């Protein structure tokens, strides 16, 4: 099976949808955070738990990452290799633009719906989430434009499927992705 690479703006539901698609297909799910943890282990760190990034060693490792775009390039290179092998669901911001391998899915959502999703997930006010998303959206665009020349979030030409998520929940989005994948394999 080809890799399924799911991308989209922050808080659009990528991880939840990817998890549901991976479970339905019986394949592993992998994201940039998983590869960063692999790299941390190689550097002698012992990452554990989802909150590792928010504590001592995790924060130290992320500070090292911020000093050079080499970290991001290495993460992306490793994800590209995994995409070439297939049989995996990958979540990534830039990988769909960087490889010809895999089936690429873009999850689209308005700032309002993403902020609402983020608010429920993180227990933060919707207005605060909109502020956070504004910063993250701008930083992601600038980062991937600088590193790869990608028009992140505006150029959707690499994608085989674009799903508008505003009016539907993650389970329905996953169903749409799975139906699309099955229709391509028939």
C-alpha atoms as a PDB file:
ATOM      1  CA  UNK A   1       0.000   0.000   0.000  1.00  0.00           C
ATOM      2  CA  UNK A   2       1.200   3.501  -0.759  1.00  0.00           C
ATOM      3  CA  UNK A   3       1.871   5.826   2.152  1.00  0.00           C
ATOM      4  CA  UNK A   4      -0.960   8.168   3.056  1.00  0.00           C
ATOM      5  CA  UNK A   5       0.401  11.624   3.858  1.00  0.00           C
ATOM      6  CA  UNK A   6      -1.999  13.947   5.670  1.00  0.00           C
ATOM      7  CA  UNK A   7      -1.295  17.650   5.974  1.00  0.00           C
ATOM      8  CA  UNK A   8      -3.149  20.819   6.847  1.00  0.00           C
ATOM      9  CA  UNK A   9      -2.937  23.904   8.988  1.00  0.00           C
ATOM     10  CA  UNK A  10      -2.451  23.623  12.765  1.00  0.00           C
ATOM     11  CA  UNK A  11      -5.475  22.330  14.738  1.00  0.00           C
ATOM     12  CA  UNK A  12      -7.366  21.122  11.674  1.00  0.00           C
ATOM     13  CA  UNK A  13      -7.537  17.554  13.040  1.00  0.00           C
ATOM     14  CA  UNK A  14      -4.573  15.932  11.245  1.00  0.00           C
ATOM     15  CA  UNK A  15      -3.478  13.715  14.121  1.00  0.00           C
ATOM     16  CA  UNK A  16      -6.969  12.512  15.020  1.00  0.00           C
ATOM     17  CA  UNK A  17      -7.892  11.821  11.394  1.00  0.00           C
ATOM     18  CA  UNK A  18      -4.556  10.110  10.741  1.00  0.00           C
ATOM     19  CA  UNK A  19      -5.008   7.894  13.777  1.00  0.00           C
ATOM     20  CA  UNK A  20      -8.497   6.866  12.629  1.00  0.00           C
ATOM     21  CA  UNK A  21      -7.314   6.180   9.065  1.00  0.00           C
ATOM     22  CA  UNK A  22      -4.321   4.163  10.321  1.00  0.00           C
ATOM     23  CA  UNK A  23      -6.564   2.097  12.612  1.00  0.00           C
ATOM     24  CA  UNK A  24      -9.031   1.424   9.798  1.00  0.00           C
ATOM     25  CA  UNK A  25      -6.237   0.341   7.446  1.00  0.00           C
ATOM     26  CA  UNK A  26      -4.287  -1.582  10.071  1.00  0.00           C
ATOM     27  CA  UNK A  27      -1.119   0.422   9.425  1.00  0.00           C
ATOM     28  CA  UNK A  28       1.163   2.410  11.702  1.00  0.00           C
ATOM     29  CA  UNK A  29       0.853   6.179  12.027  1.00  0.00           C
ATOM     30  CA  UNK A  30       3.912   8.398  12.130  1.00  0.00           C
ATOM     31  CA  UNK A  31       4.457  12.114  12.454  1.00  0.00           C
ATOM     32  CA  UNK A  32       7.297  14.585  12.680  1.00  0.00           C
ATOM     33  CA  UNK A  33       7.164  14.422  16.483  1.00  0.00           C
ATOM     34  CA  UNK A  34       7.823  10.673  16.346  1.00  0.00           C
ATOM     35  CA  UNK A  35      10.875  11.228  14.150  1.00  0.00           C
ATOM     36  CA  UNK A  36      12.078  14.048  16.412  1.00  0.00           C
ATOM     37  CA  UNK A  37      11.903  11.613  19.324  1.00  0.00           C
ATOM     38  CA  UNK A  38      13.970   9.099  17.297  1.00  0.00           C
ATOM     39  CA  UNK A  39      16.541  11.830  16.754  1.00  0.00           C
ATOM     40  CA  UNK A  40      16.480  12.773  20.443  1.00  0.00           C
ATOM     41  CA  UNK A  41      17.249   9.160  21.396  1.00  0.00           C
ATOM     42  CA  UNK A  42      20.161   9.196  18.944  1.00  0.00           C
ATOM     43  CA  UNK A  43      21.444  12.315  20.736  1.00  0.00           C
ATOM     44  CA  UNK A  44      21.284  10.545  24.114  1.00  0.00           C
ATOM     45  CA  UNK A  45      17.941  11.853  25.357  1.00  0.00           C
ATOM     46  CA  UNK A  46      15.217   9.653  26.840  1.00  0.00           C
ATOM     47  CA  UNK A  47      11.936  11.040  25.524  1.00  0.00           C
ATOM     48  CA  UNK A  48       8.760   9.741  27.099  1.00  0.00           C
ATOM     49  CA  UNK A  49       5.130  10.787  27.107  1.00  0.00           C
ATOM     50  CA  UNK A  50       3.355  13.440  25.101  1.00  0.00           C
ATOM     51  CA  UNK A  51       4.423  16.172  27.525  1.00  0.00           C
ATOM     52  CA  UNK A  52       8.181  15.400  27.248  1.00  0.00           C
ATOM     53  CA  UNK A  53       8.567  18.403  24.921  1.00  0.00           C
ATOM     54  CA  UNK A  54       7.261  20.712  27.655  1.00  0.00           C
ATOM     55  CA  UNK A  55       9.836  19.693  30.281  1.00  0.00           C
ATOM     56  CA  UNK A  56      13.604  20.026  30.877  1.00  0.00           C
ATOM     57  CA  UNK A  57      15.307  17.728  28.366  1.00  0.00           C
ATOM     58  CA  UNK A  58      12.540  18.021  25.798  1.00  0.00           C
ATOM     59  CA  UNK A  59      12.701  21.812  25.882  1.00  0.00           C
ATOM     60  CA  UNK A  60      16.513  21.672  25.671  1.00  0.00           C
ATOM     61  CA  UNK A  61      16.302  19.426  22.606  1.00  0.00           C
ATOM     62  CA  UNK A  62      13.763  21.727  20.942  1.00  0.00           C
ATOM     63  CA  UNK A  63      16.039  24.730  21.609  1.00  0.00           C
ATOM     64  CA  UNK A  64      18.810  22.902  19.755  1.00  0.00           C
ATOM     65  CA  UNK A  65      16.358  22.329  16.912  1.00  0.00           C
ATOM     66  CA  UNK A  66      15.564  26.036  16.649  1.00  0.00           C
ATOM     67  CA  UNK A  67      19.230  26.907  16.029  1.00  0.00           C
ATOM     68  CA  UNK A  68      19.278  25.260  12.619  1.00  0.00           C
ATOM     69  CA  UNK A  69      16.860  24.216   9.902  1.00  0.00           C
ATOM     70  CA  UNK A  70      18.960  21.039   9.609  1.00  0.00           C
ATOM     71  CA  UNK A  71      16.711  19.424  12.253  1.00  0.00           C
ATOM     72  CA  UNK A  72      13.608  20.072  10.178  1.00  0.00           C
ATOM     73  CA  UNK A  73      15.314  18.891   7.003  1.00  0.00           C
ATOM     74  CA  UNK A  74      16.433  15.682   8.726  1.00  0.00           C
ATOM     75  CA  UNK A  75      12.923  15.006  10.056  1.00  0.00           C
ATOM     76  CA  UNK A  76      11.468  15.571   6.597  1.00  0.00           C
ATOM     77  CA  UNK A  77      14.125  13.383   4.925  1.00  0.00           C
ATOM     78  CA  UNK A  78      13.313  10.531   7.299  1.00  0.00           C
ATOM     79  CA  UNK A  79       9.579  10.913   6.703  1.00  0.00           C
ATOM     80  CA  UNK A  80      10.182  10.919   2.938  1.00  0.00           C
ATOM     81  CA  UNK A  81      12.085   7.629   3.241  1.00  0.00           C
ATOM     82  CA  UNK A  82       9.225   6.119   5.232  1.00  0.00           C
ATOM     83  CA  UNK A  83       6.760   7.383   2.608  1.00  0.00           C
ATOM     84  CA  UNK A  84       8.780   5.647  -0.123  1.00  0.00           C
ATOM     85  CA  UNK A  85       8.447   2.338   1.729  1.00  0.00           C
ATOM     86  CA  UNK A  86       4.661   2.751   2.065  1.00  0.00           C
ATOM     87  CA  UNK A  87       2.316   0.981   4.476  1.00  0.00           C
ATOM     88  CA  UNK A  88       2.160   3.982   6.823  1.00  0.00           C
ATOM     89  CA  UNK A  89      -0.032   6.995   7.531  1.00  0.00           C
ATOM     90  CA  UNK A  90       2.147  10.085   7.919  1.00  0.00           C
ATOM     91  CA  UNK A  91       1.228  13.482   9.311  1.00  0.00           C
ATOM     92  CA  UNK A  92       3.483  16.263   8.111  1.00  0.00           C
ATOM     93  CA  UNK A  93       3.311  19.897   7.191  1.00  0.00           C
ATOM     94  CA  UNK A  94       5.825  19.959   4.280  1.00  0.00           C
ATOM     95  CA  UNK A  95       6.334  16.346   3.122  1.00  0.00           C
ATOM     96  CA  UNK A  96       3.511  16.367   0.527  1.00  0.00           C
ATOM     97  CA  UNK A  97       5.452  19.009  -1.411  1.00  0.00           C
ATOM     98  CA  UNK A  98       8.766  17.160  -1.049  1.00  0.00           C
ATOM     99  CA  UNK A  99       7.960  13.714  -2.424  1.00  0.00           C
ATOM    100  CA  UNK A 100       6.118  12.198  -5.342  1.00  0.00           C
ATOM    101  CA  UNK A 101       5.392   9.102  -3.236  1.00  0.00           C
ATOM    102  CA  UNK A 102       2.139   8.394  -1.444  1.00  0.00           C
ATOM    103  CA  UNK A 103      -1.433   9.561  -1.535  1.00  0.00           C
ATOM    104  CA  UNK A 104      -1.584  13.141  -0.276  1.00  0.00           C
ATOM    105  CA  UNK A 105      -4.518  14.558   1.653  1.00  0.00           C
ATOM    106  CA  UNK A 106      -4.973  18.200   2.687  1.00  0.00           C
ATOM    107  CA  UNK A 107      -7.387  18.932   5.522  1.00  0.00           C
ATOM    108  CA  UNK A 108      -8.793  22.417   5.125  1.00  0.00           C
ATOM    109  CA  UNK A 109     -10.454  24.431   7.861  1.00  0.00           C
ATOM    110  CA  UNK A 110     -11.211  28.023   8.743  1.00  0.00           C
ATOM    111  CA  UNK A 111      -9.436  29.795  11.585  1.00  0.00           C
ATOM    112  CA  UNK A 112     -12.743  29.833  13.472  1.00  0.00           C
ATOM    113  CA  UNK A 113     -13.276  26.059  13.276  1.00  0.00           C
ATOM    114  CA  UNK A 114      -9.611  25.308  14.036  1.00  0.00           C
ATOM    115  CA  UNK A 115      -9.677  27.664  17.032  1.00  0.00           C
ATOM    116  CA  UNK A 116     -12.850  25.990  18.281  1.00  0.00           C
ATOM    117  CA  UNK A 117     -11.241  22.548  17.908  1.00  0.00           C
ATOM    118  CA  UNK A 118      -8.071  23.752  19.658  1.00  0.00           C
ATOM    119  CA  UNK A 119     -10.086  25.361  22.457  1.00  0.00           C
ATOM    120  CA  UNK A 120     -11.905  22.102  23.197  1.00  0.00           C
ATOM    121  CA  UNK A 121      -8.686  20.087  22.975  1.00  0.00           C
ATOM    122  CA  UNK A 122      -6.479  22.384  25.068  1.00  0.00           C
ATOM    123  CA  UNK A 123      -8.972  24.130  27.357  1.00  0.00           C
ATOM    124  CA  UNK A 124      -8.026  27.608  26.132  1.00  0.00           C
ATOM    125  CA  UNK A 125     -10.423  30.387  25.112  1.00  0.00           C
ATOM    126  CA  UNK A 126     -11.335  30.568  21.435  1.00  0.00           C
ATOM    127  CA  UNK A 127      -9.970  34.115  21.184  1.00  0.00           C
ATOM    128  CA  UNK A 128      -6.606  32.999  22.605  1.00  0.00           C
ATOM    129  CA  UNK A 129      -6.586  30.055  20.187  1.00  0.00           C
ATOM    130  CA  UNK A 130      -7.166  32.430  17.266  1.00  0.00           C
ATOM    131  CA  UNK A 131      -4.125  34.437  18.391  1.00  0.00           C
ATOM    132  CA  UNK A 132      -2.005  31.292  18.674  1.00  0.00           C
ATOM    133  CA  UNK A 133      -3.138  30.044  15.276  1.00  0.00           C
ATOM    134  CA  UNK A 134      -2.383  33.387  13.663  1.00  0.00           C
ATOM    135  CA  UNK A 135       1.207  33.157  14.891  1.00  0.00           C
ATOM    136  CA  UNK A 136       1.598  29.469  14.018  1.00  0.00           C
ATOM    137  CA  UNK A 137       0.081  29.876  10.556  1.00  0.00           C
ATOM    138  CA  UNK A 138       2.426  32.784   9.785  1.00  0.00           C
ATOM    139  CA  UNK A 139       5.499  31.048  11.227  1.00  0.00           C
ATOM    140  CA  UNK A 140       4.804  27.808   9.337  1.00  0.00           C
ATOM    141  CA  UNK A 141       4.352  29.688   6.079  1.00  0.00           C
ATOM    142  CA  UNK A 142       7.601  31.636   6.550  1.00  0.00           C
ATOM    143  CA  UNK A 143       9.563  28.571   7.683  1.00  0.00           C
ATOM    144  CA  UNK A 144       8.603  26.327   4.772  1.00  0.00           C
ATOM    145  CA  UNK A 145       8.936  29.172   2.281  1.00  0.00           C
ATOM    146  CA  UNK A 146      12.472  29.827   3.564  1.00  0.00           C
ATOM    147  CA  UNK A 147      13.595  26.183   3.775  1.00  0.00           C
ATOM    148  CA  UNK A 148      11.882  24.720   0.694  1.00  0.00           C
ATOM    149  CA  UNK A 149      10.206  27.516  -1.266  1.00  0.00           C
ATOM    150  CA  UNK A 150       6.805  26.012  -0.419  1.00  0.00           C
ATOM    151  CA  UNK A 151       3.656  28.130  -0.435  1.00  0.00           C
ATOM    152  CA  UNK A 152       2.376  26.276   2.645  1.00  0.00           C
ATOM    153  CA  UNK A 153      -1.391  26.451   2.958  1.00  0.00           C
ATOM    154  CA  UNK A 154      -1.922  28.238  -0.345  1.00  0.00           C
ATOM    155  CA  UNK A 155      -0.461  25.899  -2.994  1.00  0.00           C
ATOM    156  CA  UNK A 156      -2.548  22.728  -2.874  1.00  0.00           C
ATOM    157  CA  UNK A 157      -1.367  21.291  -6.206  1.00  0.00           C
ATOM    158  CA  UNK A 158       0.477  18.305  -4.624  1.00  0.00           C
ATOM    159  CA  UNK A 159      -2.723  16.930  -3.084  1.00  0.00           C
ATOM    160  CA  UNK A 160      -4.833  14.073  -4.374  1.00  0.00           C
ATOM    161  CA  UNK A 161      -7.696  14.928  -2.018  1.00  0.00           C
ATOM    162  CA  UNK A 162      -8.730  18.113  -0.205  1.00  0.00           C
ATOM    163  CA  UNK A 163     -11.294  17.751   2.570  1.00  0.00           C
ATOM    164  CA  UNK A 164     -13.075  20.782   4.023  1.00  0.00           C
ATOM    165  CA  UNK A 165     -13.408  20.026   7.750  1.00  0.00           C
ATOM    166  CA  UNK A 166     -15.454  22.971   9.025  1.00  0.00           C
ATOM    167  CA  UNK A 167     -18.868  21.311   9.028  1.00  0.00           C
ATOM    168  CA  UNK A 168     -17.879  17.714   9.847  1.00  0.00           C
ATOM    169  CA  UNK A 169     -16.173  15.905  12.698  1.00  0.00           C
ATOM    170  CA  UNK A 170     -12.921  13.958  12.519  1.00  0.00           C
ATOM    171  CA  UNK A 171     -14.669  10.587  12.219  1.00  0.00           C
ATOM    172  CA  UNK A 172     -16.514  11.753   9.100  1.00  0.00           C
ATOM    173  CA  UNK A 173     -13.308  13.250   7.670  1.00  0.00           C
ATOM    174  CA  UNK A 174     -11.545   9.914   8.222  1.00  0.00           C
ATOM    175  CA  UNK A 175     -14.445   8.108   6.485  1.00  0.00           C
ATOM    176  CA  UNK A 176     -14.081  10.415   3.469  1.00  0.00           C
ATOM    177  CA  UNK A 177     -10.334   9.733   3.291  1.00  0.00           C
ATOM    178  CA  UNK A 178     -10.830   5.961   3.618  1.00  0.00           C
ATOM    179  CA  UNK A 179     -13.558   5.943   0.945  1.00  0.00           C
ATOM    180  CA  UNK A 180     -11.262   7.920  -1.377  1.00  0.00           C
ATOM    181  CA  UNK A 181      -8.395   5.478  -0.784  1.00  0.00           C
ATOM    182  CA  UNK A 182     -10.634   2.456  -1.434  1.00  0.00           C
ATOM    183  CA  UNK A 183     -12.017   4.026  -4.626  1.00  0.00           C
ATOM    184  CA  UNK A 184      -8.462   4.448  -5.949  1.00  0.00           C
ATOM    185  CA  UNK A 185      -7.537   0.834  -5.257  1.00  0.00           C
ATOM    186  CA  UNK A 186     -10.602  -0.657  -6.983  1.00  0.00           C
END
